[in-house]
Amino acid sequence: AEVGEDRDVALEIHSSRPVVAERPMYFNYRGVWDGGHITMGSPVLSPDWYFAEGTTREGFEEWLCFYNPSDEVAQVTMVVDLTEAGEKKATVFVPAGRRSTVNVNQVVGPGLDVSLRLSSDREIVAERSLYFLYHGVWEGGHNGLGAVP
């Protein structure tokens, strides 16, 4: 209601008292997969983020979401561990004060289990969304913040 429909949104919350912030999201992904997920707001910014498990196997679509609150463009290096296929690197530029998303399936290709290590020249927030139709039966999605060192 605040920003309108069909928009990508990132936000910062400031409070004079301690608060807990979370973001519920409900979807009909690509008109096929129904579901919802919720993520806690990040209590920290960090230049380094880690994601232990993800996949680009059939029926799965994996996304990385970045937020750069700084006044300068952030250069984020993604190091993707492809388990049995070695590593792959990619670079993402996240505009100042903006959010950006990366389709992991397009970066690494289909049919792979992946873990990710992100390194940025600015402090950012990073989370991963995974949408799925598992074995043609279970549909949905989940989202989570990365781990910081």
N, C-alpha and C. Protein backbone atom coordinates (compact mmCIF):
# COMPACT_ATOMS: atom_id res chain seq x y z
N ALA A 1 0.82 -1.19 0.00
CA ALA A 1 0.00 0.00 0.00
C ALA A 1 0.87 1.26 0.00
N GLU A 2 2.03 1.20 0.64
CA GLU A 2 2.88 2.39 0.74
C GLU A 2 3.61 2.71 -0.57
N VAL A 3 4.04 1.69 -1.30
CA VAL A 3 4.86 1.93 -2.49
C VAL A 3 4.16 1.56 -3.79
N GLY A 4 3.01 0.88 -3.72
CA GLY A 4 2.31 0.46 -4.92
C GLY A 4 2.67 -0.96 -5.31
N GLU A 5 1.97 -1.46 -6.30
CA GLU A 5 2.18 -2.84 -6.74
C GLU A 5 3.32 -2.96 -7.74
N ASP A 6 3.82 -4.19 -7.88
CA ASP A 6 4.83 -4.55 -8.89
C ASP A 6 6.10 -3.72 -8.78
N ARG A 7 6.60 -3.57 -7.56
CA ARG A 7 7.85 -2.83 -7.35
C ARG A 7 8.80 -3.67 -6.51
N ASP A 8 10.08 -3.53 -6.78
CA ASP A 8 11.11 -4.12 -5.94
C ASP A 8 11.39 -3.13 -4.82
N VAL A 9 11.47 -3.63 -3.60
CA VAL A 9 11.58 -2.74 -2.44
C VAL A 9 12.66 -3.22 -1.48
N ALA A 10 13.44 -2.29 -0.98
CA ALA A 10 14.34 -2.51 0.15
C ALA A 10 14.09 -1.36 1.10
N LEU A 11 14.24 -1.61 2.40
CA LEU A 11 14.01 -0.52 3.33
C LEU A 11 14.86 -0.65 4.56
N GLU A 12 15.06 0.48 5.23
CA GLU A 12 15.75 0.54 6.50
C GLU A 12 14.74 0.96 7.54
N ILE A 13 14.87 0.40 8.73
CA ILE A 13 13.99 0.76 9.84
C ILE A 13 14.85 1.34 10.96
N HIS A 14 14.49 2.50 11.44
CA HIS A 14 15.16 3.14 12.57
C HIS A 14 14.13 3.33 13.66
N SER A 15 14.52 3.06 14.90
CA SER A 15 13.60 3.19 16.02
C SER A 15 14.35 3.70 17.24
N SER A 16 13.65 4.49 18.05
CA SER A 16 14.25 4.97 19.29
C SER A 16 14.23 3.90 20.38
N ARG A 17 13.49 2.82 20.12
CA ARG A 17 13.40 1.70 21.07
C ARG A 17 13.71 0.41 20.33
N PRO A 18 14.11 -0.64 21.04
CA PRO A 18 14.36 -1.93 20.37
C PRO A 18 13.09 -2.48 19.72
N VAL A 19 13.21 -2.96 18.50
CA VAL A 19 12.09 -3.57 17.79
C VAL A 19 12.57 -4.83 17.08
N VAL A 20 11.64 -5.67 16.73
CA VAL A 20 11.91 -6.82 15.89
C VAL A 20 11.18 -6.57 14.58
N ALA A 21 11.90 -6.69 13.47
CA ALA A 21 11.30 -6.45 12.16
C ALA A 21 11.41 -7.71 11.32
N GLU A 22 10.34 -8.04 10.63
CA GLU A 22 10.34 -9.17 9.72
C GLU A 22 9.52 -8.82 8.50
N ARG A 23 9.74 -9.60 7.43
CA ARG A 23 9.03 -9.34 6.18
C ARG A 23 8.34 -10.61 5.71
N PRO A 24 7.02 -10.66 5.83
CA PRO A 24 6.30 -11.79 5.22
C PRO A 24 6.09 -11.50 3.74
N MET A 25 6.09 -12.55 2.94
CA MET A 25 5.89 -12.41 1.50
C MET A 25 5.04 -13.57 1.02
N TYR A 26 4.00 -13.26 0.28
CA TYR A 26 3.10 -14.27 -0.26
C TYR A 26 3.16 -14.17 -1.78
N PHE A 27 3.13 -15.31 -2.45
CA PHE A 27 3.38 -15.26 -3.89
C PHE A 27 2.63 -16.33 -4.66
N ASN A 28 2.46 -16.03 -5.93
CA ASN A 28 2.09 -17.00 -6.95
C ASN A 28 3.20 -16.86 -7.97
N TYR A 29 4.28 -17.61 -7.74
CA TYR A 29 5.52 -17.44 -8.48
C TYR A 29 5.36 -17.90 -9.92
N ARG A 30 5.57 -16.98 -10.82
CA ARG A 30 5.45 -17.23 -12.27
C ARG A 30 4.09 -17.83 -12.64
N GLY A 31 3.08 -17.58 -11.78
CA GLY A 31 1.74 -18.08 -12.06
C GLY A 31 1.61 -19.58 -11.88
N VAL A 32 2.62 -20.22 -11.27
CA VAL A 32 2.63 -21.67 -11.15
C VAL A 32 2.74 -22.13 -9.70
N TRP A 33 3.68 -21.56 -8.93
CA TRP A 33 3.97 -22.05 -7.59
C TRP A 33 3.40 -21.08 -6.56
N ASP A 34 2.49 -21.55 -5.72
CA ASP A 34 1.90 -20.74 -4.65
C ASP A 34 2.67 -20.96 -3.37
N GLY A 35 2.73 -19.93 -2.55
CA GLY A 35 3.36 -20.11 -1.25
C GLY A 35 3.59 -18.81 -0.53
N GLY A 36 4.40 -18.89 0.50
CA GLY A 36 4.75 -17.73 1.29
C GLY A 36 6.00 -18.03 2.09
N HIS A 37 6.72 -16.99 2.47
CA HIS A 37 7.86 -17.14 3.35
C HIS A 37 8.03 -15.87 4.15
N ILE A 38 8.82 -15.96 5.20
CA ILE A 38 9.05 -14.81 6.06
C ILE A 38 10.53 -14.76 6.43
N THR A 39 11.06 -13.56 6.54
CA THR A 39 12.47 -13.39 6.88
C THR A 39 12.60 -12.29 7.92
N MET A 40 13.45 -12.53 8.89
CA MET A 40 13.78 -11.50 9.87
C MET A 40 14.60 -10.42 9.19
N GLY A 41 14.43 -9.19 9.64
CA GLY A 41 15.30 -8.12 9.16
C GLY A 41 16.71 -8.36 9.66
N SER A 42 17.69 -7.91 8.93
CA SER A 42 19.07 -8.13 9.34
C SER A 42 19.48 -7.14 10.42
N PRO A 43 20.06 -7.63 11.51
CA PRO A 43 20.53 -6.72 12.55
C PRO A 43 21.91 -6.13 12.24
N VAL A 44 22.55 -6.60 11.16
CA VAL A 44 23.90 -6.15 10.83
C VAL A 44 24.06 -5.91 9.34
N LEU A 45 25.04 -5.10 9.03
CA LEU A 45 25.58 -4.98 7.68
C LEU A 45 26.93 -5.67 7.71
N SER A 46 27.35 -6.23 6.59
CA SER A 46 28.64 -6.89 6.54
C SER A 46 29.15 -6.89 5.10
N PRO A 47 30.47 -6.87 4.91
CA PRO A 47 31.00 -7.02 3.55
C PRO A 47 31.06 -8.48 3.13
N ASP A 48 30.91 -9.42 4.09
CA ASP A 48 31.04 -10.85 3.79
C ASP A 48 29.78 -11.58 4.24
N TRP A 49 29.28 -12.45 3.35
CA TRP A 49 28.07 -13.25 3.64
C TRP A 49 28.29 -14.66 3.12
N TYR A 50 27.71 -15.65 3.83
CA TYR A 50 27.85 -17.05 3.46
C TYR A 50 26.48 -17.72 3.39
N PHE A 51 26.32 -18.60 2.40
CA PHE A 51 25.10 -19.38 2.23
C PHE A 51 25.50 -20.84 2.04
N ALA A 52 25.05 -21.69 2.95
CA ALA A 52 25.53 -23.07 2.98
C ALA A 52 24.90 -23.96 1.92
N GLU A 53 23.63 -23.79 1.63
CA GLU A 53 22.97 -24.75 0.75
C GLU A 53 22.02 -24.06 -0.20
N GLY A 54 22.10 -24.46 -1.44
CA GLY A 54 21.18 -24.00 -2.48
C GLY A 54 21.23 -24.99 -3.62
N THR A 55 20.35 -24.81 -4.58
CA THR A 55 20.35 -25.74 -5.72
C THR A 55 19.73 -25.09 -6.94
N THR A 56 20.20 -25.54 -8.09
CA THR A 56 19.60 -25.14 -9.37
C THR A 56 19.06 -26.38 -10.08
N ARG A 57 18.77 -27.43 -9.30
CA ARG A 57 18.22 -28.65 -9.90
C ARG A 57 16.85 -28.37 -10.52
N GLU A 58 16.40 -29.29 -11.33
CA GLU A 58 15.10 -29.13 -12.00
C GLU A 58 14.01 -28.89 -10.96
N GLY A 59 13.18 -27.89 -11.22
CA GLY A 59 12.10 -27.54 -10.31
C GLY A 59 12.49 -26.54 -9.25
N PHE A 60 13.73 -26.04 -9.28
CA PHE A 60 14.20 -25.07 -8.29
C PHE A 60 14.72 -23.82 -8.99
N GLU A 61 14.41 -22.66 -8.43
CA GLU A 61 14.95 -21.40 -8.92
C GLU A 61 15.50 -20.63 -7.72
N GLU A 62 16.79 -20.34 -7.77
CA GLU A 62 17.48 -19.71 -6.65
C GLU A 62 17.87 -18.28 -6.99
N TRP A 63 17.64 -17.38 -6.04
CA TRP A 63 17.94 -15.96 -6.21
C TRP A 63 18.76 -15.46 -5.04
N LEU A 64 19.68 -14.54 -5.31
CA LEU A 64 20.36 -13.77 -4.27
C LEU A 64 19.83 -12.35 -4.32
N CYS A 65 19.59 -11.79 -3.15
CA CYS A 65 19.06 -10.43 -3.04
C CYS A 65 20.04 -9.61 -2.21
N PHE A 66 20.41 -8.44 -2.71
CA PHE A 66 21.37 -7.57 -2.06
C PHE A 66 20.74 -6.22 -1.76
N TYR A 67 21.15 -5.62 -0.65
CA TYR A 67 20.79 -4.23 -0.37
C TYR A 67 22.06 -3.48 0.01
N ASN A 68 22.29 -2.36 -0.66
CA ASN A 68 23.47 -1.54 -0.44
C ASN A 68 23.02 -0.19 0.11
N PRO A 69 23.13 0.02 1.43
CA PRO A 69 22.68 1.29 2.00
C PRO A 69 23.70 2.43 1.88
N SER A 70 24.88 2.16 1.34
CA SER A 70 25.92 3.18 1.27
C SER A 70 25.64 4.20 0.16
N ASP A 71 26.47 5.23 0.15
CA ASP A 71 26.35 6.29 -0.86
C ASP A 71 27.16 5.99 -2.11
N GLU A 72 27.78 4.81 -2.16
CA GLU A 72 28.60 4.44 -3.31
C GLU A 72 28.19 3.05 -3.81
N VAL A 73 28.45 2.79 -5.08
CA VAL A 73 28.18 1.49 -5.67
C VAL A 73 28.98 0.42 -4.93
N ALA A 74 28.36 -0.71 -4.66
CA ALA A 74 29.05 -1.84 -4.03
C ALA A 74 29.41 -2.86 -5.10
N GLN A 75 30.66 -3.30 -5.09
CA GLN A 75 31.10 -4.38 -5.97
C GLN A 75 31.12 -5.65 -5.14
N VAL A 76 30.27 -6.61 -5.52
CA VAL A 76 30.14 -7.86 -4.77
C VAL A 76 30.71 -8.99 -5.61
N THR A 77 31.65 -9.72 -5.06
CA THR A 77 32.21 -10.90 -5.72
C THR A 77 31.52 -12.12 -5.15
N MET A 78 30.92 -12.91 -6.03
CA MET A 78 30.28 -14.16 -5.65
C MET A 78 31.24 -15.29 -5.98
N VAL A 79 31.56 -16.10 -4.97
CA VAL A 79 32.33 -17.32 -5.20
C VAL A 79 31.37 -18.47 -4.94
N VAL A 80 31.08 -19.21 -5.98
CA VAL A 80 30.09 -20.27 -5.91
C VAL A 80 30.79 -21.62 -5.89
N ASP A 81 30.56 -22.39 -4.82
CA ASP A 81 31.10 -23.74 -4.72
C ASP A 81 30.08 -24.67 -5.35
N LEU A 82 30.44 -25.29 -6.45
CA LEU A 82 29.53 -26.15 -7.20
C LEU A 82 29.69 -27.62 -6.83
N THR A 83 30.09 -27.88 -5.61
CA THR A 83 30.26 -29.22 -5.05
C THR A 83 31.20 -30.02 -5.93
N GLU A 84 30.69 -30.79 -6.86
CA GLU A 84 31.54 -31.67 -7.67
C GLU A 84 32.09 -31.00 -8.93
N ALA A 85 31.63 -29.77 -9.23
CA ALA A 85 32.06 -29.10 -10.46
C ALA A 85 33.03 -27.96 -10.21
N GLY A 86 33.59 -27.85 -9.00
CA GLY A 86 34.56 -26.80 -8.71
C GLY A 86 33.91 -25.49 -8.31
N GLU A 87 34.62 -24.38 -8.55
CA GLU A 87 34.14 -23.05 -8.20
C GLU A 87 33.87 -22.22 -9.43
N LYS A 88 32.98 -21.25 -9.26
CA LYS A 88 32.72 -20.27 -10.30
C LYS A 88 32.62 -18.91 -9.63
N LYS A 89 33.19 -17.88 -10.26
CA LYS A 89 33.12 -16.53 -9.72
C LYS A 89 32.29 -15.64 -10.63
N ALA A 90 31.61 -14.69 -10.01
CA ALA A 90 30.85 -13.69 -10.76
C ALA A 90 30.90 -12.40 -9.95
N THR A 91 30.77 -11.27 -10.63
CA THR A 91 30.76 -9.97 -9.97
C THR A 91 29.43 -9.29 -10.22
N VAL A 92 28.90 -8.69 -9.15
CA VAL A 92 27.63 -7.97 -9.22
C VAL A 92 27.89 -6.55 -8.70
N PHE A 93 27.33 -5.55 -9.37
CA PHE A 93 27.42 -4.17 -8.92
C PHE A 93 26.05 -3.75 -8.41
N VAL A 94 25.99 -3.36 -7.12
CA VAL A 94 24.73 -2.97 -6.50
C VAL A 94 24.75 -1.45 -6.34
N PRO A 95 23.80 -0.76 -6.99
CA PRO A 95 23.80 0.71 -6.94
C PRO A 95 23.70 1.25 -5.51
N ALA A 96 24.21 2.43 -5.30
CA ALA A 96 24.16 3.10 -4.00
C ALA A 96 22.71 3.28 -3.56
N GLY A 97 22.44 2.90 -2.31
CA GLY A 97 21.11 3.10 -1.74
C GLY A 97 20.03 2.27 -2.39
N ARG A 98 20.40 1.17 -3.06
CA ARG A 98 19.42 0.39 -3.81
C ARG A 98 19.54 -1.09 -3.50
N ARG A 99 18.62 -1.87 -4.07
CA ARG A 99 18.65 -3.32 -3.98
C ARG A 99 18.91 -3.87 -5.36
N SER A 100 19.34 -5.13 -5.40
CA SER A 100 19.60 -5.81 -6.66
C SER A 100 19.41 -7.30 -6.44
N THR A 101 19.01 -8.01 -7.48
CA THR A 101 18.84 -9.46 -7.38
C THR A 101 19.61 -10.15 -8.49
N VAL A 102 20.02 -11.38 -8.20
CA VAL A 102 20.75 -12.19 -9.16
C VAL A 102 20.09 -13.56 -9.23
N ASN A 103 19.79 -14.02 -10.42
CA ASN A 103 19.26 -15.36 -10.63
C ASN A 103 20.45 -16.33 -10.65
N VAL A 104 20.61 -17.09 -9.59
CA VAL A 104 21.75 -18.00 -9.46
C VAL A 104 21.72 -19.06 -10.56
N ASN A 105 20.53 -19.51 -10.95
CA ASN A 105 20.43 -20.50 -12.03
C ASN A 105 21.10 -19.99 -13.31
N GLN A 106 20.93 -18.71 -13.61
CA GLN A 106 21.54 -18.14 -14.82
C GLN A 106 23.05 -17.99 -14.68
N VAL A 107 23.53 -17.77 -13.47
CA VAL A 107 24.96 -17.59 -13.25
C VAL A 107 25.70 -18.92 -13.35
N VAL A 108 25.16 -19.99 -12.74
CA VAL A 108 25.91 -21.24 -12.66
C VAL A 108 25.40 -22.34 -13.58
N GLY A 109 24.18 -22.20 -14.07
CA GLY A 109 23.61 -23.24 -14.92
C GLY A 109 22.71 -24.18 -14.14
N PRO A 110 22.04 -25.08 -14.85
CA PRO A 110 21.06 -25.96 -14.22
C PRO A 110 21.68 -27.22 -13.60
N GLY A 111 20.92 -27.81 -12.68
CA GLY A 111 21.25 -29.14 -12.17
C GLY A 111 22.37 -29.21 -11.16
N LEU A 112 22.65 -28.12 -10.44
CA LEU A 112 23.79 -28.11 -9.52
C LEU A 112 23.38 -27.79 -8.10
N ASP A 113 24.06 -28.41 -7.13
CA ASP A 113 23.95 -28.01 -5.73
C ASP A 113 25.04 -26.98 -5.48
N VAL A 114 24.69 -25.89 -4.79
CA VAL A 114 25.63 -24.79 -4.65
C VAL A 114 25.69 -24.28 -3.21
N SER A 115 26.84 -23.80 -2.83
CA SER A 115 26.98 -22.95 -1.65
C SER A 115 27.68 -21.68 -2.15
N LEU A 116 27.49 -20.60 -1.42
CA LEU A 116 27.97 -19.30 -1.90
C LEU A 116 28.73 -18.55 -0.83
N ARG A 117 29.75 -17.82 -1.27
CA ARG A 117 30.50 -16.92 -0.42
C ARG A 117 30.50 -15.57 -1.13
N LEU A 118 30.07 -14.53 -0.44
CA LEU A 118 30.02 -13.19 -1.02
C LEU A 118 31.02 -12.30 -0.33
N SER A 119 31.70 -11.46 -1.11
CA SER A 119 32.64 -10.50 -0.56
C SER A 119 32.41 -9.17 -1.27
N SER A 120 32.15 -8.12 -0.49
CA SER A 120 31.83 -6.82 -1.06
C SER A 120 32.81 -5.77 -0.58
N ASP A 121 32.99 -4.73 -1.39
CA ASP A 121 33.83 -3.61 -0.97
C ASP A 121 33.06 -2.60 -0.12
N ARG A 122 31.78 -2.87 0.13
CA ARG A 122 30.92 -2.06 1.00
C ARG A 122 30.16 -3.00 1.92
N GLU A 123 29.70 -2.49 3.04
CA GLU A 123 28.85 -3.29 3.91
C GLU A 123 27.45 -3.34 3.30
N ILE A 124 26.92 -4.55 3.16
CA ILE A 124 25.62 -4.79 2.53
C ILE A 124 24.81 -5.76 3.37
N VAL A 125 23.59 -6.00 2.93
CA VAL A 125 22.76 -7.10 3.45
C VAL A 125 22.56 -8.07 2.29
N ALA A 126 22.59 -9.37 2.58
CA ALA A 126 22.39 -10.37 1.54
C ALA A 126 21.47 -11.47 2.04
N GLU A 127 20.54 -11.86 1.20
CA GLU A 127 19.64 -12.96 1.53
C GLU A 127 19.42 -13.81 0.28
N ARG A 128 18.93 -15.03 0.50
CA ARG A 128 18.69 -15.95 -0.61
C ARG A 128 17.24 -16.38 -0.59
N SER A 129 16.62 -16.35 -1.77
CA SER A 129 15.26 -16.87 -1.96
C SER A 129 15.35 -18.09 -2.86
N LEU A 130 14.58 -19.11 -2.53
CA LEU A 130 14.54 -20.32 -3.33
C LEU A 130 13.07 -20.68 -3.56
N TYR A 131 12.69 -20.78 -4.82
CA TYR A 131 11.32 -21.16 -5.19
C TYR A 131 11.37 -22.53 -5.84
N PHE A 132 10.33 -23.34 -5.58
CA PHE A 132 10.46 -24.73 -6.02
C PHE A 132 9.12 -25.41 -6.29
N LEU A 133 9.22 -26.43 -7.12
CA LEU A 133 8.19 -27.44 -7.29
C LEU A 133 8.95 -28.75 -7.14
N TYR A 134 8.93 -29.30 -5.92
CA TYR A 134 9.75 -30.45 -5.56
C TYR A 134 9.08 -31.74 -5.99
N HIS A 135 9.76 -32.49 -6.85
CA HIS A 135 9.26 -33.76 -7.40
C HIS A 135 7.87 -33.62 -8.01
N GLY A 136 7.56 -32.43 -8.49
CA GLY A 136 6.25 -32.21 -9.12
C GLY A 136 5.09 -32.24 -8.15
N VAL A 137 5.37 -32.25 -6.84
CA VAL A 137 4.31 -32.40 -5.84
C VAL A 137 4.23 -31.21 -4.88
N TRP A 138 5.34 -30.86 -4.25
CA TRP A 138 5.35 -29.79 -3.25
C TRP A 138 5.85 -28.50 -3.87
N GLU A 139 5.04 -27.46 -3.77
CA GLU A 139 5.44 -26.17 -4.33
C GLU A 139 5.58 -25.16 -3.19
N GLY A 140 6.42 -24.18 -3.42
CA GLY A 140 6.57 -23.15 -2.41
C GLY A 140 7.85 -22.37 -2.57
N GLY A 141 8.32 -21.84 -1.47
CA GLY A 141 9.54 -21.06 -1.48
C GLY A 141 9.99 -20.80 -0.06
N HIS A 142 11.23 -20.45 0.08
CA HIS A 142 11.74 -20.02 1.37
C HIS A 142 12.80 -18.97 1.17
N ASN A 143 13.09 -18.26 2.21
CA ASN A 143 14.02 -17.15 2.13
C ASN A 143 14.82 -17.09 3.43
N GLY A 144 16.06 -16.68 3.36
CA GLY A 144 16.83 -16.55 4.58
C GLY A 144 18.02 -15.62 4.40
N LEU A 145 18.38 -14.97 5.49
CA LEU A 145 19.59 -14.15 5.51
C LEU A 145 20.80 -15.06 5.44
N GLY A 146 21.87 -14.56 4.89
CA GLY A 146 23.12 -15.29 4.93
C GLY A 146 23.73 -15.20 6.32
N ALA A 147 24.77 -15.96 6.52
CA ALA A 147 25.54 -15.92 7.77
C ALA A 147 26.69 -14.96 7.59
N VAL A 148 27.05 -14.27 8.66
CA VAL A 148 28.20 -13.36 8.62
C VAL A 148 29.31 -13.93 9.50
N PRO A 149 30.56 -13.61 9.17
CA PRO A 149 31.68 -14.14 9.97
C PRO A 149 31.70 -13.54 11.38
